[in-house]
Amino acid sequence: MADDLLTQLKGMTTVVADTGDIEAIRRFQPTDATTNPSLILQAAQQEGRRARLAEIARQATDIDDALDAVAVDIGSEISALVPGYVSTEVSARLSFDTQASLDRARSLIDRYQRHGVDPSRILIKLAATWEGINAAQILEREGIHTNLTLMFNFDQARACADAGVTLISPFVGRILDWHKTQQPDADFSGDRDPGVQSVKRIYEHFKGHGYETIVMGASFRNSGEITALAGCDRLTISPALLEELEQSQGTLTRCLTPLDAETRTPEPQNEADFRWALNEDAMATEKLAEGIRKFMADQRKLETLLGELRQG
């Protein structure tokens, strides 16, 4: 009997759990795990975690301190369950402030060290704004690994590769959402999916030019998007889609294969070129701004919850 699709996928792609749910991570045994404020908020709703959150909140000096303490506490717990990276996000509120992002990232790494977690296991997540990419370049030079998220555009990916970031998370499902709104009757199945096409273009460019930056497809709406990217360096997948793949039988064909690198590396972008390219891409401009707002909306909910626990 053939292996299920999840088992086959793990044979050609590193699977990352897109969740803060400890039990889901135990069940699916991914190599890496990634979190963000939305996922931490979901984890915070679990009754079994409330007492620990309340303890952390009361010990914190302020809400920002409590937020980072909770993120590192959950991240440290996850690090004991996965052999690879754990991603922890810098506040989306700092998406346009390079220095503040640097300060927060270094603080998060210090917290992990105090929890006994090797900094080499941590990816600091930053939004793929010009300021976030600049912060990532500095952090990488200091030996701090980064994961650039909210990526919707090829030029964002190019800038990240030029900056030497460890990993990028190009989004798939949110790109599809935008195009379906623009063209509700269009067929975006399989290889026609614009989010799938975006990740393939980035992957082929990186491999074709010898960039070491890891490409990790993210934000999936259905399992078809995942199987269409089989062979990508990494894919971060929600528990619901992991379960669907685990329950599905059939033969999974590798769709992405590394290419031989060219000798010539493209010229790096400057800030003006980056901002112009992003401005010319309505989808990327709108989804990047929306993504930052959504992360902040969930962060505010988490801030409210932790504030209540501090007073309780």
C-alpha atoms as a PDB file:
ATOM      1  CA  MET A   1       0.000   0.000   0.000  1.00  0.00           C
ATOM      2  CA  ALA A   2       1.339   3.454  -0.959  1.00  0.00           C
ATOM      3  CA  ASP A   3       2.255   5.947   1.725  1.00  0.00           C
ATOM      4  CA  ASP A   4      -0.169   8.769   2.445  1.00  0.00           C
ATOM      5  CA  LEU A   5       0.494  12.154   0.815  1.00  0.00           C
ATOM      6  CA  LEU A   6       1.943  13.684   3.976  1.00  0.00           C
ATOM      7  CA  THR A   7       4.543  10.926   4.327  1.00  0.00           C
ATOM      8  CA  GLN A   8       5.492  11.303   0.660  1.00  0.00           C
ATOM      9  CA  LEU A   9       5.684  15.085   1.002  1.00  0.00           C
ATOM     10  CA  LYS A  10       8.058  14.760   3.956  1.00  0.00           C
ATOM     11  CA  GLY A  11      10.348  12.728   1.675  1.00  0.00           C
ATOM     12  CA  MET A  12      10.903  15.694  -0.649  1.00  0.00           C
ATOM     13  CA  THR A  13      10.082  18.831   1.393  1.00  0.00           C
ATOM     14  CA  THR A  14      10.708  19.877   4.991  1.00  0.00           C
ATOM     15  CA  VAL A  15       7.269  20.142   6.610  1.00  0.00           C
ATOM     16  CA  VAL A  16       6.704  22.962   9.087  1.00  0.00           C
ATOM     17  CA  ALA A  17       3.717  23.161  11.447  1.00  0.00           C
ATOM     18  CA  ASP A  18       1.884  26.464  11.087  1.00  0.00           C
ATOM     19  CA  THR A  19       0.448  26.391  14.590  1.00  0.00           C
ATOM     20  CA  GLY A  20       1.018  27.172  18.240  1.00  0.00           C
ATOM     21  CA  ASP A  21      -0.980  24.067  19.228  1.00  0.00           C
ATOM     22  CA  ILE A  22       1.422  21.855  21.148  1.00  0.00           C
ATOM     23  CA  GLU A  23      -0.736  18.740  20.728  1.00  0.00           C
ATOM     24  CA  ALA A  24      -0.905  19.187  16.948  1.00  0.00           C
ATOM     25  CA  ILE A  25       2.887  19.474  16.819  1.00  0.00           C
ATOM     26  CA  ARG A  26       3.237  16.274  18.858  1.00  0.00           C
ATOM     27  CA  ARG A  27       0.892  14.458  16.502  1.00  0.00           C
ATOM     28  CA  PHE A  28       2.298  15.514  13.121  1.00  0.00           C
ATOM     29  CA  GLN A  29       5.983  15.635  14.143  1.00  0.00           C
ATOM     30  CA  PRO A  30       7.118  18.412  11.782  1.00  0.00           C
ATOM     31  CA  THR A  31      10.772  19.366  11.412  1.00  0.00           C
ATOM     32  CA  ASP A  32      10.159  23.057  12.167  1.00  0.00           C
ATOM     33  CA  ALA A  33       7.352  25.118  13.676  1.00  0.00           C
ATOM     34  CA  THR A  34       6.296  28.685  13.026  1.00  0.00           C
ATOM     35  CA  THR A  35       4.177  31.023  15.118  1.00  0.00           C
ATOM     36  CA  ASN A  36       2.709  34.488  14.835  1.00  0.00           C
ATOM     37  CA  PRO A  37       0.405  36.605  17.035  1.00  0.00           C
ATOM     38  CA  SER A  38      -2.690  34.995  15.500  1.00  0.00           C
ATOM     39  CA  LEU A  39      -1.474  31.485  16.312  1.00  0.00           C
ATOM     40  CA  ILE A  40      -0.355  32.469  19.815  1.00  0.00           C
ATOM     41  CA  LEU A  41      -3.785  34.009  20.403  1.00  0.00           C
ATOM     42  CA  GLN A  42      -5.371  30.680  19.428  1.00  0.00           C
ATOM     43  CA  ALA A  43      -3.094  28.840  21.855  1.00  0.00           C
ATOM     44  CA  ALA A  44      -3.956  31.363  24.565  1.00  0.00           C
ATOM     45  CA  GLN A  45      -7.619  30.366  24.358  1.00  0.00           C
ATOM     46  CA  GLN A  46      -6.834  26.881  25.691  1.00  0.00           C
ATOM     47  CA  GLU A  47      -7.980  26.531  29.302  1.00  0.00           C
ATOM     48  CA  GLY A  48      -4.947  24.455  30.243  1.00  0.00           C
ATOM     49  CA  ARG A  49      -2.661  27.336  29.273  1.00  0.00           C
ATOM     50  CA  ARG A  50      -4.458  30.173  31.094  1.00  0.00           C
ATOM     51  CA  ALA A  51      -2.774  29.672  34.453  1.00  0.00           C
ATOM     52  CA  ARG A  52       0.691  29.777  32.880  1.00  0.00           C
ATOM     53  CA  LEU A  53      -0.198  32.882  30.848  1.00  0.00           C
ATOM     54  CA  ALA A  54      -1.507  34.601  33.958  1.00  0.00           C
ATOM     55  CA  GLU A  55       1.718  33.817  35.809  1.00  0.00           C
ATOM     56  CA  ILE A  56       3.822  35.234  32.969  1.00  0.00           C
ATOM     57  CA  ALA A  57       1.624  38.316  32.637  1.00  0.00           C
ATOM     58  CA  ARG A  58       1.821  39.155  36.346  1.00  0.00           C
ATOM     59  CA  GLN A  59       5.626  38.832  36.356  1.00  0.00           C
ATOM     60  CA  ALA A  60       6.047  41.092  33.301  1.00  0.00           C
ATOM     61  CA  THR A  61       7.022  44.742  33.631  1.00  0.00           C
ATOM     62  CA  ASP A  62       4.535  45.850  30.950  1.00  0.00           C
ATOM     63  CA  ILE A  63       2.411  44.465  28.103  1.00  0.00           C
ATOM     64  CA  ASP A  64       5.283  44.411  25.580  1.00  0.00           C
ATOM     65  CA  ASP A  65       7.347  42.433  28.080  1.00  0.00           C
ATOM     66  CA  ALA A  66       4.400  40.070  28.621  1.00  0.00           C
ATOM     67  CA  LEU A  67       3.871  39.564  24.880  1.00  0.00           C
ATOM     68  CA  ASP A  68       7.479  38.588  24.248  1.00  0.00           C
ATOM     69  CA  ALA A  69       7.609  36.452  27.393  1.00  0.00           C
ATOM     70  CA  VAL A  70       4.546  34.482  26.238  1.00  0.00           C
ATOM     71  CA  ALA A  71       5.921  34.061  22.706  1.00  0.00           C
ATOM     72  CA  VAL A  72       9.256  32.762  24.017  1.00  0.00           C
ATOM     73  CA  ASP A  73       7.588  30.530  26.605  1.00  0.00           C
ATOM     74  CA  ILE A  74       5.478  28.824  23.915  1.00  0.00           C
ATOM     75  CA  GLY A  75       8.395  28.812  21.474  1.00  0.00           C
ATOM     76  CA  SER A  76      10.665  27.161  24.042  1.00  0.00           C
ATOM     77  CA  GLU A  77       8.066  24.459  24.654  1.00  0.00           C
ATOM     78  CA  ILE A  78       7.784  23.878  20.899  1.00  0.00           C
ATOM     79  CA  SER A  79      11.590  23.752  20.521  1.00  0.00           C
ATOM     80  CA  ALA A  80      11.627  20.615  22.679  1.00  0.00           C
ATOM     81  CA  LEU A  81       9.250  18.906  20.230  1.00  0.00           C
ATOM     82  CA  VAL A  82      10.843  19.741  16.861  1.00  0.00           C
ATOM     83  CA  PRO A  83      14.436  19.135  15.759  1.00  0.00           C
ATOM     84  CA  GLY A  84      14.677  22.223  13.557  1.00  0.00           C
ATOM     85  CA  TYR A  85      13.800  25.909  13.615  1.00  0.00           C
ATOM     86  CA  VAL A  86      11.157  27.692  15.675  1.00  0.00           C
ATOM     87  CA  SER A  87      10.036  31.052  14.280  1.00  0.00           C
ATOM     88  CA  THR A  88       9.116  33.888  16.633  1.00  0.00           C
ATOM     89  CA  GLU A  89       7.745  37.161  15.366  1.00  0.00           C
ATOM     90  CA  VAL A  90       8.769  40.727  16.073  1.00  0.00           C
ATOM     91  CA  SER A  91       5.683  42.896  16.675  1.00  0.00           C
ATOM     92  CA  ALA A  92       3.993  43.969  13.431  1.00  0.00           C
ATOM     93  CA  ARG A  93       3.779  47.427  15.009  1.00  0.00           C
ATOM     94  CA  LEU A  94       7.515  47.740  14.264  1.00  0.00           C
ATOM     95  CA  SER A  95       7.251  46.821  10.561  1.00  0.00           C
ATOM     96  CA  PHE A  96       8.494  50.258   9.445  1.00  0.00           C
ATOM     97  CA  ASP A  97      11.124  50.812  12.150  1.00  0.00           C
ATOM     98  CA  THR A  98      14.473  49.135  11.517  1.00  0.00           C
ATOM     99  CA  GLN A  99      16.129  50.062  14.821  1.00  0.00           C
ATOM    100  CA  ALA A 100      13.152  49.079  16.971  1.00  0.00           C
ATOM    101  CA  SER A 101      12.950  45.750  15.105  1.00  0.00           C
ATOM    102  CA  LEU A 102      16.625  45.134  15.805  1.00  0.00           C
ATOM    103  CA  ASP A 103      16.201  45.878  19.514  1.00  0.00           C
ATOM    104  CA  ARG A 104      13.177  43.573  19.785  1.00  0.00           C
ATOM    105  CA  ALA A 105      14.867  40.759  17.868  1.00  0.00           C
ATOM    106  CA  ARG A 106      17.962  40.843  20.072  1.00  0.00           C
ATOM    107  CA  SER A 107      15.748  40.856  23.160  1.00  0.00           C
ATOM    108  CA  LEU A 108      13.870  37.776  21.929  1.00  0.00           C
ATOM    109  CA  ILE A 109      17.140  35.919  21.340  1.00  0.00           C
ATOM    110  CA  ASP A 110      18.308  36.837  24.862  1.00  0.00           C
ATOM    111  CA  ARG A 111      15.058  35.474  26.276  1.00  0.00           C
ATOM    112  CA  TYR A 112      15.509  32.191  24.427  1.00  0.00           C
ATOM    113  CA  GLN A 113      19.041  31.871  25.756  1.00  0.00           C
ATOM    114  CA  ARG A 114      17.718  32.342  29.306  1.00  0.00           C
ATOM    115  CA  HIS A 115      15.258  29.511  28.579  1.00  0.00           C
ATOM    116  CA  GLY A 116      18.183  27.309  27.539  1.00  0.00           C
ATOM    117  CA  VAL A 117      17.308  27.348  23.822  1.00  0.00           C
ATOM    118  CA  ASP A 118      20.243  27.666  21.417  1.00  0.00           C
ATOM    119  CA  PRO A 119      19.816  30.857  19.328  1.00  0.00           C
ATOM    120  CA  SER A 120      20.722  28.873  16.205  1.00  0.00           C
ATOM    121  CA  ARG A 121      17.338  27.142  16.577  1.00  0.00           C
ATOM    122  CA  ILE A 122      15.375  30.402  16.370  1.00  0.00           C
ATOM    123  CA  LEU A 123      14.207  32.311  13.313  1.00  0.00           C
ATOM    124  CA  ILE A 124      13.225  35.911  14.016  1.00  0.00           C
ATOM    125  CA  LYS A 125      10.161  36.708  11.888  1.00  0.00           C
ATOM    126  CA  LEU A 126       9.939  40.157  10.342  1.00  0.00           C
ATOM    127  CA  ALA A 127       7.542  41.629   7.789  1.00  0.00           C
ATOM    128  CA  ALA A 128       9.125  41.897   4.334  1.00  0.00           C
ATOM    129  CA  THR A 129       9.027  45.700   4.272  1.00  0.00           C
ATOM    130  CA  TRP A 130      12.155  47.613   3.246  1.00  0.00           C
ATOM    131  CA  GLU A 131      12.787  48.351   6.927  1.00  0.00           C
ATOM    132  CA  GLY A 132      12.230  44.718   7.945  1.00  0.00           C
ATOM    133  CA  ILE A 133      14.628  43.465   5.264  1.00  0.00           C
ATOM    134  CA  ASN A 134      17.276  45.979   6.376  1.00  0.00           C
ATOM    135  CA  ALA A 135      16.896  44.778   9.961  1.00  0.00           C
ATOM    136  CA  ALA A 136      17.216  41.174   8.797  1.00  0.00           C
ATOM    137  CA  GLN A 137      20.448  41.924   6.940  1.00  0.00           C
ATOM    138  CA  ILE A 138      22.005  43.384  10.095  1.00  0.00           C
ATOM    139  CA  LEU A 139      20.768  40.511  12.274  1.00  0.00           C
ATOM    140  CA  GLU A 140      22.146  37.907   9.866  1.00  0.00           C
ATOM    141  CA  ARG A 141      25.570  39.589  10.056  1.00  0.00           C
ATOM    142  CA  GLU A 142      25.331  39.230  13.844  1.00  0.00           C
ATOM    143  CA  GLY A 143      24.566  35.511  13.506  1.00  0.00           C
ATOM    144  CA  ILE A 144      20.840  35.817  14.236  1.00  0.00           C
ATOM    145  CA  HIS A 145      18.724  33.874  11.736  1.00  0.00           C
ATOM    146  CA  THR A 146      15.653  35.508  10.192  1.00  0.00           C
ATOM    147  CA  ASN A 147      12.376  34.532   8.524  1.00  0.00           C
ATOM    148  CA  LEU A 148      10.831  37.234   6.319  1.00  0.00           C
ATOM    149  CA  THR A 149       7.053  36.921   6.239  1.00  0.00           C
ATOM    150  CA  LEU A 150       4.098  38.635   4.528  1.00  0.00           C
ATOM    151  CA  MET A 151       5.785  38.132   1.160  1.00  0.00           C
ATOM    152  CA  PHE A 152       3.614  38.555  -1.911  1.00  0.00           C
ATOM    153  CA  ASN A 153       5.995  39.889  -4.512  1.00  0.00           C
ATOM    154  CA  PHE A 154       9.048  38.707  -6.458  1.00  0.00           C
ATOM    155  CA  ASP A 155      10.928  41.914  -5.675  1.00  0.00           C
ATOM    156  CA  GLN A 156      10.427  41.371  -1.945  1.00  0.00           C
ATOM    157  CA  ALA A 157      11.990  37.919  -2.398  1.00  0.00           C
ATOM    158  CA  ARG A 158      14.914  39.293  -4.415  1.00  0.00           C
ATOM    159  CA  ALA A 159      15.672  41.909  -1.769  1.00  0.00           C
ATOM    160  CA  CYS A 160      15.658  39.215   0.925  1.00  0.00           C
ATOM    161  CA  ALA A 161      18.080  37.051  -1.029  1.00  0.00           C
ATOM    162  CA  ASP A 162      20.372  40.044  -1.564  1.00  0.00           C
ATOM    163  CA  ALA A 163      20.230  40.677   2.212  1.00  0.00           C
ATOM    164  CA  GLY A 164      21.282  37.094   2.945  1.00  0.00           C
ATOM    165  CA  VAL A 165      18.260  36.197   5.062  1.00  0.00           C
ATOM    166  CA  THR A 166      18.014  32.594   6.218  1.00  0.00           C
ATOM    167  CA  LEU A 167      14.435  31.941   5.102  1.00  0.00           C
ATOM    168  CA  ILE A 168      11.510  33.611   3.353  1.00  0.00           C
ATOM    169  CA  SER A 169       7.810  32.783   3.628  1.00  0.00           C
ATOM    170  CA  PRO A 170       6.135  33.653   0.305  1.00  0.00           C
ATOM    171  CA  PHE A 171       2.357  33.515   0.768  1.00  0.00           C
ATOM    172  CA  VAL A 172       0.146  31.439  -1.512  1.00  0.00           C
ATOM    173  CA  GLY A 173      -3.452  31.519  -0.318  1.00  0.00           C
ATOM    174  CA  ARG A 174      -3.681  35.260   0.261  1.00  0.00           C
ATOM    175  CA  ILE A 175      -2.458  35.886  -3.297  1.00  0.00           C
ATOM    176  CA  LEU A 176      -5.182  33.542  -4.552  1.00  0.00           C
ATOM    177  CA  ASP A 177      -7.760  35.375  -2.417  1.00  0.00           C
ATOM    178  CA  TRP A 178      -6.906  38.697  -4.082  1.00  0.00           C
ATOM    179  CA  HIS A 179      -7.103  37.315  -7.624  1.00  0.00           C
ATOM    180  CA  LYS A 180     -10.390  35.514  -6.937  1.00  0.00           C
ATOM    181  CA  THR A 181     -11.861  38.812  -5.776  1.00  0.00           C
ATOM    182  CA  GLN A 182     -10.688  40.482  -8.985  1.00  0.00           C
ATOM    183  CA  GLN A 183     -11.761  37.600 -11.253  1.00  0.00           C
ATOM    184  CA  PRO A 184     -14.415  35.531  -9.449  1.00  0.00           C
ATOM    185  CA  ASP A 185     -15.205  33.375 -12.498  1.00  0.00           C
ATOM    186  CA  ALA A 186     -11.598  32.526 -13.435  1.00  0.00           C
ATOM    187  CA  ASP A 187     -10.147  29.012 -13.095  1.00  0.00           C
ATOM    188  CA  PHE A 188      -7.267  29.176 -10.610  1.00  0.00           C
ATOM    189  CA  SER A 189      -6.917  25.439 -10.029  1.00  0.00           C
ATOM    190  CA  GLY A 190      -3.597  23.568 -10.061  1.00  0.00           C
ATOM    191  CA  ASP A 191      -0.768  25.383 -11.817  1.00  0.00           C
ATOM    192  CA  ARG A 192      -3.119  28.264 -12.652  1.00  0.00           C
ATOM    193  CA  ASP A 193      -3.078  29.316  -8.998  1.00  0.00           C
ATOM    194  CA  PRO A 194      -1.239  32.701  -8.931  1.00  0.00           C
ATOM    195  CA  GLY A 195       0.103  31.995  -5.432  1.00  0.00           C
ATOM    196  CA  VAL A 196       1.619  28.708  -6.599  1.00  0.00           C
ATOM    197  CA  GLN A 197       3.078  30.474  -9.643  1.00  0.00           C
ATOM    198  CA  SER A 198       4.642  33.127  -7.403  1.00  0.00           C
ATOM    199  CA  VAL A 199       6.437  30.581  -5.195  1.00  0.00           C
ATOM    200  CA  LYS A 200       7.648  28.602  -8.214  1.00  0.00           C
ATOM    201  CA  ARG A 201       9.120  31.748  -9.782  1.00  0.00           C
ATOM    202  CA  ILE A 202      10.926  32.654  -6.559  1.00  0.00           C
ATOM    203  CA  TYR A 203      12.189  29.102  -6.050  1.00  0.00           C
ATOM    204  CA  GLU A 204      13.516  28.807  -9.612  1.00  0.00           C
ATOM    205  CA  HIS A 205      15.220  32.217  -9.405  1.00  0.00           C
ATOM    206  CA  PHE A 206      16.912  31.388  -6.100  1.00  0.00           C
ATOM    207  CA  LYS A 207      18.107  27.967  -7.209  1.00  0.00           C
ATOM    208  CA  GLY A 208      19.105  29.259 -10.635  1.00  0.00           C
ATOM    209  CA  HIS A 209      21.346  31.922  -9.113  1.00  0.00           C
ATOM    210  CA  GLY A 210      22.793  29.993  -6.201  1.00  0.00           C
ATOM    211  CA  TYR A 211      21.086  31.878  -3.373  1.00  0.00           C
ATOM    212  CA  GLU A 212      21.198  29.988  -0.078  1.00  0.00           C
ATOM    213  CA  THR A 213      18.005  31.571   1.292  1.00  0.00           C
ATOM    214  CA  ILE A 214      15.421  28.886   2.098  1.00  0.00           C
ATOM    215  CA  VAL A 215      12.061  29.175   0.313  1.00  0.00           C
ATOM    216  CA  MET A 216       9.131  28.184   2.539  1.00  0.00           C
ATOM    217  CA  GLY A 217       5.683  28.386   0.946  1.00  0.00           C
ATOM    218  CA  ALA A 218       3.008  29.582   3.404  1.00  0.00           C
ATOM    219  CA  SER A 219      -0.664  30.525   3.738  1.00  0.00           C
ATOM    220  CA  PHE A 220      -2.405  27.644   1.988  1.00  0.00           C
ATOM    221  CA  ARG A 221      -6.115  27.524   1.183  1.00  0.00           C
ATOM    222  CA  ASN A 222      -6.268  23.905   0.034  1.00  0.00           C
ATOM    223  CA  SER A 223      -4.126  20.779  -0.220  1.00  0.00           C
ATOM    224  CA  GLY A 224      -3.858  21.186  -3.992  1.00  0.00           C
ATOM    225  CA  GLU A 225      -1.687  24.263  -3.500  1.00  0.00           C
ATOM    226  CA  ILE A 226       0.586  22.187  -1.276  1.00  0.00           C
ATOM    227  CA  THR A 227       0.946  19.233  -3.638  1.00  0.00           C
ATOM    228  CA  ALA A 228       1.604  21.660  -6.530  1.00  0.00           C
ATOM    229  CA  LEU A 229       4.675  22.868  -4.586  1.00  0.00           C
ATOM    230  CA  ALA A 230       6.007  19.441  -3.595  1.00  0.00           C
ATOM    231  CA  GLY A 231       9.799  19.676  -3.619  1.00  0.00           C
ATOM    232  CA  CYS A 232       9.938  23.274  -2.315  1.00  0.00           C
ATOM    233  CA  ASP A 233      12.581  23.685   0.410  1.00  0.00           C
ATOM    234  CA  ARG A 234       9.934  23.981   3.132  1.00  0.00           C
ATOM    235  CA  LEU A 235       6.165  24.314   3.370  1.00  0.00           C
ATOM    236  CA  THR A 236       4.426  25.589   6.503  1.00  0.00           C
ATOM    237  CA  ILE A 237       1.040  23.905   6.830  1.00  0.00           C
ATOM    238  CA  SER A 238      -1.923  24.228   9.212  1.00  0.00           C
ATOM    239  CA  PRO A 239      -3.016  21.190  11.298  1.00  0.00           C
ATOM    240  CA  ALA A 240      -6.252  20.873   9.286  1.00  0.00           C
ATOM    241  CA  LEU A 241      -4.372  20.535   5.995  1.00  0.00           C
ATOM    242  CA  LEU A 242      -1.733  18.282   7.572  1.00  0.00           C
ATOM    243  CA  GLU A 243      -4.540  15.960   8.632  1.00  0.00           C
ATOM    244  CA  GLU A 244      -6.099  16.064   5.152  1.00  0.00           C
ATOM    245  CA  LEU A 245      -2.762  15.102   3.579  1.00  0.00           C
ATOM    246  CA  GLU A 246      -2.271  12.351   6.162  1.00  0.00           C
ATOM    247  CA  GLN A 247      -5.675  10.878   5.303  1.00  0.00           C
ATOM    248  CA  SER A 248      -5.124  11.090   1.522  1.00  0.00           C
ATOM    249  CA  GLN A 249      -3.708   8.265  -0.565  1.00  0.00           C
ATOM    250  CA  GLY A 250      -2.171   8.408  -4.037  1.00  0.00           C
ATOM    251  CA  THR A 251       1.133   9.146  -5.706  1.00  0.00           C
ATOM    252  CA  LEU A 252       2.704  12.530  -5.033  1.00  0.00           C
ATOM    253  CA  THR A 253       4.831  13.876  -7.889  1.00  0.00           C
ATOM    254  CA  ARG A 254       7.708  16.243  -7.195  1.00  0.00           C
ATOM    255  CA  CYS A 255       6.919  19.578  -8.878  1.00  0.00           C
ATOM    256  CA  LEU A 256       9.923  21.742  -7.882  1.00  0.00           C
ATOM    257  CA  THR A 257      13.498  20.614  -8.509  1.00  0.00           C
ATOM    258  CA  PRO A 258      16.704  22.619  -7.878  1.00  0.00           C
ATOM    259  CA  LEU A 259      18.391  23.924 -11.026  1.00  0.00           C
ATOM    260  CA  ASP A 260      22.096  24.394 -11.695  1.00  0.00           C
ATOM    261  CA  ALA A 261      23.169  27.855 -10.624  1.00  0.00           C
ATOM    262  CA  GLU A 262      24.304  30.451 -13.141  1.00  0.00           C
ATOM    263  CA  THR A 263      27.609  32.220 -12.627  1.00  0.00           C
ATOM    264  CA  ARG A 264      26.131  35.724 -12.882  1.00  0.00           C
ATOM    265  CA  THR A 265      24.217  37.099  -9.898  1.00  0.00           C
ATOM    266  CA  PRO A 266      21.647  39.859 -10.599  1.00  0.00           C
ATOM    267  CA  GLU A 267      22.437  43.362  -9.385  1.00  0.00           C
ATOM    268  CA  PRO A 268      20.955  44.101  -5.923  1.00  0.00           C
ATOM    269  CA  GLN A 269      17.959  46.428  -5.745  1.00  0.00           C
ATOM    270  CA  ASN A 270      18.181  49.824  -4.103  1.00  0.00           C
ATOM    271  CA  GLU A 271      15.428  51.270  -1.937  1.00  0.00           C
ATOM    272  CA  ALA A 272      13.862  53.345  -4.712  1.00  0.00           C
ATOM    273  CA  ASP A 273      13.664  50.346  -7.076  1.00  0.00           C
ATOM    274  CA  PHE A 274      12.183  48.173  -4.327  1.00  0.00           C
ATOM    275  CA  ARG A 275       9.518  50.678  -3.372  1.00  0.00           C
ATOM    276  CA  TRP A 276       8.625  51.379  -7.001  1.00  0.00           C
ATOM    277  CA  ALA A 277       8.277  47.674  -7.839  1.00  0.00           C
ATOM    278  CA  LEU A 278       6.045  47.139  -4.805  1.00  0.00           C
ATOM    279  CA  ASN A 279       3.975  50.207  -5.690  1.00  0.00           C
ATOM    280  CA  GLU A 280       3.441  48.872  -9.218  1.00  0.00           C
ATOM    281  CA  ASP A 281       2.067  45.580  -7.817  1.00  0.00           C
ATOM    282  CA  ALA A 282      -1.413  46.390  -6.460  1.00  0.00           C
ATOM    283  CA  MET A 283      -1.920  42.901  -5.053  1.00  0.00           C
ATOM    284  CA  ALA A 284       1.357  42.881  -3.104  1.00  0.00           C
ATOM    285  CA  THR A 285       0.881  46.436  -1.835  1.00  0.00           C
ATOM    286  CA  GLU A 286      -2.654  45.738  -0.612  1.00  0.00           C
ATOM    287  CA  LYS A 287      -1.948  42.299   0.886  1.00  0.00           C
ATOM    288  CA  LEU A 288       1.217  43.439   2.681  1.00  0.00           C
ATOM    289  CA  ALA A 289      -0.640  46.332   4.328  1.00  0.00           C
ATOM    290  CA  GLU A 290      -3.612  44.105   5.136  1.00  0.00           C
ATOM    291  CA  GLY A 291      -1.356  41.405   6.574  1.00  0.00           C
ATOM    292  CA  ILE A 292       0.348  43.850   8.936  1.00  0.00           C
ATOM    293  CA  ARG A 293      -3.055  45.161  10.055  1.00  0.00           C
ATOM    294  CA  LYS A 294      -4.378  41.628  10.670  1.00  0.00           C
ATOM    295  CA  PHE A 295      -1.333  40.601  12.695  1.00  0.00           C
ATOM    296  CA  MET A 296      -1.733  43.762  14.754  1.00  0.00           C
ATOM    297  CA  ALA A 297      -5.463  43.154  15.264  1.00  0.00           C
ATOM    298  CA  ASP A 298      -4.708  39.773  16.820  1.00  0.00           C
ATOM    299  CA  GLN A 299      -1.804  41.227  18.776  1.00  0.00           C
ATOM    300  CA  ARG A 300      -4.141  43.824  20.276  1.00  0.00           C
ATOM    301  CA  LYS A 301      -6.544  41.053  21.308  1.00  0.00           C
ATOM    302  CA  LEU A 302      -3.632  39.239  22.925  1.00  0.00           C
ATOM    303  CA  GLU A 303      -2.549  42.454  24.638  1.00  0.00           C
ATOM    304  CA  THR A 304      -6.071  42.863  26.029  1.00  0.00           C
ATOM    305  CA  LEU A 305      -6.125  39.274  27.287  1.00  0.00           C
ATOM    306  CA  LEU A 306      -2.716  39.582  28.957  1.00  0.00           C
ATOM    307  CA  GLY A 307      -3.742  42.917  30.493  1.00  0.00           C
ATOM    308  CA  GLU A 308      -6.789  41.248  32.045  1.00  0.00           C
ATOM    309  CA  LEU A 309      -4.671  38.366  33.333  1.00  0.00           C
ATOM    310  CA  ARG A 310      -2.174  40.844  34.861  1.00  0.00           C
ATOM    311  CA  GLN A 311      -4.985  42.372  36.881  1.00  0.00           C
ATOM    312  CA  GLY A 312      -6.726  39.093  37.731  1.00  0.00           C
END
